[in-house]
Amino acid sequence: MSNLATGLFGWDRTALAVEKVKDRLARASAALSGAEVAYAVIGGNAVAEWVGRVDEAAVRTTQDVDLLIRRTDFEAAKAALATAGFVHNRTLDVDMFLDGPNGRPKDAIHVVFAGEKVRADYATPAPDVADSEPAARFQVVSLESLVVMKLNSFRLKDRVHLMDLIGVGLVDRNWLTRVPVELTSRLQELLDNPDG
């Protein structure tokens, strides 16, 4: 169906996409909390939560939901998320939950396991879910752990997220002593070049 047929164009489609991500996050968080499965929101939604606490105008949208859970809770998480309409899928060694049987991987809930490295070459493993705090609607990973996760990954979008945290004053040069020494050069690079 074309945009002309639906009546939805750029801004309307953007707003709808943001609402869909918020809905996925709300349903997943409620299901996990209801099943007493410990979790923490990570990734772009965690960055949005932290940045939004300082400057709502600096918040970026994200297309998926990233969750941190313990591997020992994975079966319980699977069962809980199924009750909210999510379907487990494993693609390229990544565990995810599609939003219904026709859901797309890029819109899915992606899982990172607490205490494990996302990739073998990462400097540090993912934090534990206990390294988090309550937000208004979900449990969010601590700022320090979020920064370390973003420095570990350091893809373009991770660098942009880090620049957003720097831009609103949540991260500054004092953080060079707060992150693992293996990652300080990455943070230094961003602090030295604030305009990209």
Protein backbone atom coordinates (compact mmCIF):
# COMPACT_ATOMS: atom_id res chain seq x y z
CA MET A 1 0.00 0.00 0.00
CA SER A 2 1.43 3.37 -0.99
CA ASN A 3 1.87 6.37 1.27
CA LEU A 4 -0.76 8.15 -0.83
CA ALA A 5 -3.28 5.36 -0.16
CA THR A 6 -2.64 5.33 3.61
CA GLY A 7 -2.43 9.11 3.92
CA LEU A 8 0.79 8.73 5.91
CA PHE A 9 3.87 10.66 4.90
CA GLY A 10 7.25 11.46 6.51
CA TRP A 11 6.38 12.96 9.90
CA ASP A 12 3.29 10.79 10.37
CA ARG A 13 5.22 7.63 9.57
CA THR A 14 8.02 8.70 11.94
CA ALA A 15 5.56 9.31 14.77
CA LEU A 16 3.91 5.95 14.12
CA ALA A 17 7.27 4.18 14.13
CA VAL A 18 8.21 5.77 17.47
CA GLU A 19 4.87 4.71 18.96
CA LYS A 20 5.40 1.14 17.78
CA VAL A 21 8.81 0.99 19.48
CA LYS A 22 7.34 2.46 22.67
CA ASP A 23 4.54 -0.11 22.55
CA ARG A 24 6.99 -3.00 22.07
CA LEU A 25 9.11 -1.76 24.95
CA ALA A 26 6.08 -1.32 27.22
CA ARG A 27 4.66 -4.78 26.43
CA ALA A 28 8.02 -6.50 26.87
CA SER A 29 8.80 -4.70 30.12
CA ALA A 30 5.37 -5.43 31.56
CA ALA A 31 5.60 -9.11 30.59
CA LEU A 32 9.05 -9.56 32.10
CA SER A 33 8.17 -7.66 35.26
CA GLY A 34 4.94 -9.62 35.61
CA ALA A 35 6.88 -12.87 35.38
CA GLU A 36 9.51 -11.55 37.82
CA VAL A 37 12.27 -11.89 35.22
CA ALA A 38 15.08 -9.43 35.92
CA TYR A 39 16.00 -7.32 32.89
CA ALA A 40 17.38 -3.93 31.91
CA VAL A 41 16.77 -1.81 28.84
CA ILE A 42 19.99 -1.12 26.95
CA GLY A 43 20.88 0.32 23.54
CA GLY A 44 19.16 3.27 21.91
CA ASN A 45 16.18 3.28 24.27
CA ALA A 46 18.51 3.45 27.27
CA VAL A 47 20.39 6.35 25.66
CA ALA A 48 17.05 8.09 25.00
CA GLU A 49 16.04 7.61 28.63
CA TRP A 50 19.29 9.09 29.97
CA VAL A 51 19.47 11.95 27.43
CA GLY A 52 15.78 12.75 27.92
CA ARG A 53 16.36 13.30 31.63
CA VAL A 54 18.55 16.28 30.68
CA ASP A 55 17.24 17.58 27.33
CA GLU A 56 14.21 16.08 25.60
CA ALA A 57 15.11 17.94 22.38
CA ALA A 58 18.34 15.91 22.14
CA VAL A 59 16.60 12.51 22.15
CA ARG A 60 16.93 10.34 19.04
CA THR A 61 14.52 7.66 17.91
CA THR A 62 15.51 4.01 17.60
CA GLN A 63 13.94 1.21 15.61
CA ASP A 64 14.31 -1.73 17.96
CA VAL A 65 14.35 -2.70 21.61
CA ASP A 66 17.50 -4.08 23.23
CA LEU A 67 17.21 -5.95 26.51
CA LEU A 68 19.77 -7.30 28.92
CA ILE A 69 18.79 -10.54 30.69
CA ARG A 70 20.59 -13.34 32.47
CA ARG A 71 21.06 -16.51 30.44
CA THR A 72 19.67 -18.51 33.38
CA ASP A 73 16.42 -16.55 32.98
CA PHE A 74 16.17 -17.02 29.22
CA GLU A 75 13.50 -19.74 29.23
CA ALA A 76 11.38 -17.74 31.69
CA ALA A 77 11.89 -14.64 29.53
CA LYS A 78 10.84 -16.57 26.42
CA ALA A 79 7.64 -17.72 28.11
CA ALA A 80 6.88 -14.24 29.45
CA LEU A 81 7.48 -12.51 26.12
CA ALA A 82 5.34 -15.09 24.31
CA THR A 83 2.38 -14.03 26.45
CA ALA A 84 2.87 -10.50 25.09
CA GLY A 85 2.82 -11.70 21.47
CA PHE A 86 6.56 -11.98 20.83
CA VAL A 87 7.99 -14.92 18.90
CA HIS A 88 11.51 -16.17 19.63
CA ASN A 89 13.87 -16.28 16.66
CA ARG A 90 17.58 -16.90 16.37
CA THR A 91 19.34 -15.35 13.40
CA LEU A 92 23.12 -15.21 12.89
CA ASP A 93 23.69 -16.27 16.52
CA VAL A 94 21.52 -13.42 17.81
CA ASP A 95 18.52 -14.19 20.00
CA MET A 96 15.59 -11.93 19.26
CA PHE A 97 11.86 -11.76 19.67
CA LEU A 98 9.82 -10.81 16.65
CA ASP A 99 6.67 -8.78 17.20
CA GLY A 100 4.26 -11.53 16.16
CA PRO A 101 4.75 -14.26 13.55
CA ASN A 102 5.13 -11.70 10.75
CA GLY A 103 7.49 -9.40 12.68
CA ARG A 104 10.72 -8.23 11.12
CA PRO A 105 14.18 -8.72 12.68
CA LYS A 106 15.02 -5.01 12.43
CA ASP A 107 11.93 -4.21 14.53
CA ALA A 108 12.48 -7.00 17.03
CA ILE A 109 13.49 -7.17 20.65
CA HIS A 110 17.19 -8.08 20.69
CA VAL A 111 18.68 -9.88 23.66
CA VAL A 112 22.12 -9.42 25.21
CA PHE A 113 23.13 -11.82 27.96
CA ALA A 114 24.36 -10.34 31.23
CA GLY A 115 27.95 -11.15 32.14
CA GLU A 116 28.84 -12.33 28.63
CA LYS A 117 30.75 -10.63 25.86
CA VAL A 118 28.57 -9.68 22.90
CA ARG A 119 31.60 -10.33 20.68
CA ALA A 120 34.83 -12.11 21.52
CA ASP A 121 36.92 -9.01 20.77
CA TYR A 122 35.02 -6.76 23.21
CA ALA A 123 37.12 -5.49 26.11
CA THR A 124 34.51 -6.32 28.74
CA PRO A 125 31.40 -8.44 29.13
CA ALA A 126 27.92 -7.00 29.37
CA PRO A 127 26.96 -5.85 32.87
CA ASP A 128 24.62 -7.70 35.15
CA VAL A 129 20.95 -6.70 35.14
CA ALA A 130 21.37 -5.59 38.76
CA ASP A 131 23.49 -2.69 37.43
CA SER A 132 20.34 -0.79 36.53
CA GLU A 133 17.72 1.50 38.01
CA PRO A 134 14.00 2.12 37.62
CA ALA A 135 12.86 4.57 34.98
CA ALA A 136 9.23 5.71 34.71
CA ARG A 137 8.12 2.69 32.68
CA PHE A 138 10.97 0.19 32.71
CA GLN A 139 14.26 -0.82 34.28
CA VAL A 140 17.20 0.94 32.57
CA VAL A 141 20.88 0.03 32.64
CA SER A 142 23.08 2.38 34.68
CA LEU A 143 24.70 5.26 32.84
CA GLU A 144 28.20 3.95 33.54
CA SER A 145 27.42 0.49 32.14
CA LEU A 146 25.67 2.02 29.14
CA VAL A 147 28.74 4.11 28.34
CA VAL A 148 31.02 1.06 28.61
CA MET A 149 28.70 -0.98 26.37
CA LYS A 150 28.69 1.77 23.75
CA LEU A 151 32.49 2.12 23.93
CA ASN A 152 32.86 -1.65 23.51
CA SER A 153 30.72 -1.73 20.40
CA PHE A 154 31.85 1.62 18.95
CA ARG A 155 29.93 1.34 15.68
CA LEU A 156 28.88 4.62 14.10
CA LYS A 157 25.53 4.61 15.91
CA ASP A 158 27.28 3.87 19.20
CA ARG A 159 29.63 6.79 18.67
CA VAL A 160 26.64 9.02 17.88
CA HIS A 161 24.91 7.84 21.07
CA LEU A 162 28.04 8.59 23.05
CA MET A 163 28.23 12.04 21.46
CA ASP A 164 24.63 12.63 22.55
CA LEU A 165 25.55 11.72 26.14
CA ILE A 166 28.56 14.03 25.94
CA GLY A 167 26.49 16.77 24.30
CA VAL A 168 24.01 16.97 27.19
CA GLY A 169 26.79 16.91 29.79
CA LEU A 170 26.23 13.40 31.14
CA VAL A 171 29.72 12.30 30.07
CA ASP A 172 32.84 14.47 30.22
CA ARG A 173 36.61 14.20 30.69
CA ASN A 174 36.16 12.95 34.25
CA TRP A 175 34.85 9.74 32.72
CA LEU A 176 38.28 8.86 31.37
CA THR A 177 39.07 7.40 34.79
CA ARG A 178 35.69 5.68 35.10
CA VAL A 179 35.83 3.41 32.06
CA PRO A 180 38.09 0.37 31.58
CA VAL A 181 41.58 1.41 30.52
CA GLU A 182 41.20 -0.54 27.25
CA LEU A 183 38.39 1.82 26.26
CA THR A 184 39.77 5.20 27.34
CA SER A 185 41.32 5.97 23.95
CA ARG A 186 37.90 5.61 22.32
CA LEU A 187 36.31 7.99 24.77
CA GLN A 188 39.26 10.39 24.43
CA GLU A 189 38.76 10.38 20.66
CA LEU A 190 35.14 11.50 21.05
CA LEU A 191 35.91 14.10 23.72
CA ASP A 192 38.69 15.56 21.56
CA ASN A 193 36.42 15.85 18.53
CA PRO A 194 33.00 16.96 19.86
CA ASP A 195 31.77 18.04 16.42
CA GLY A 196 32.52 14.68 14.85
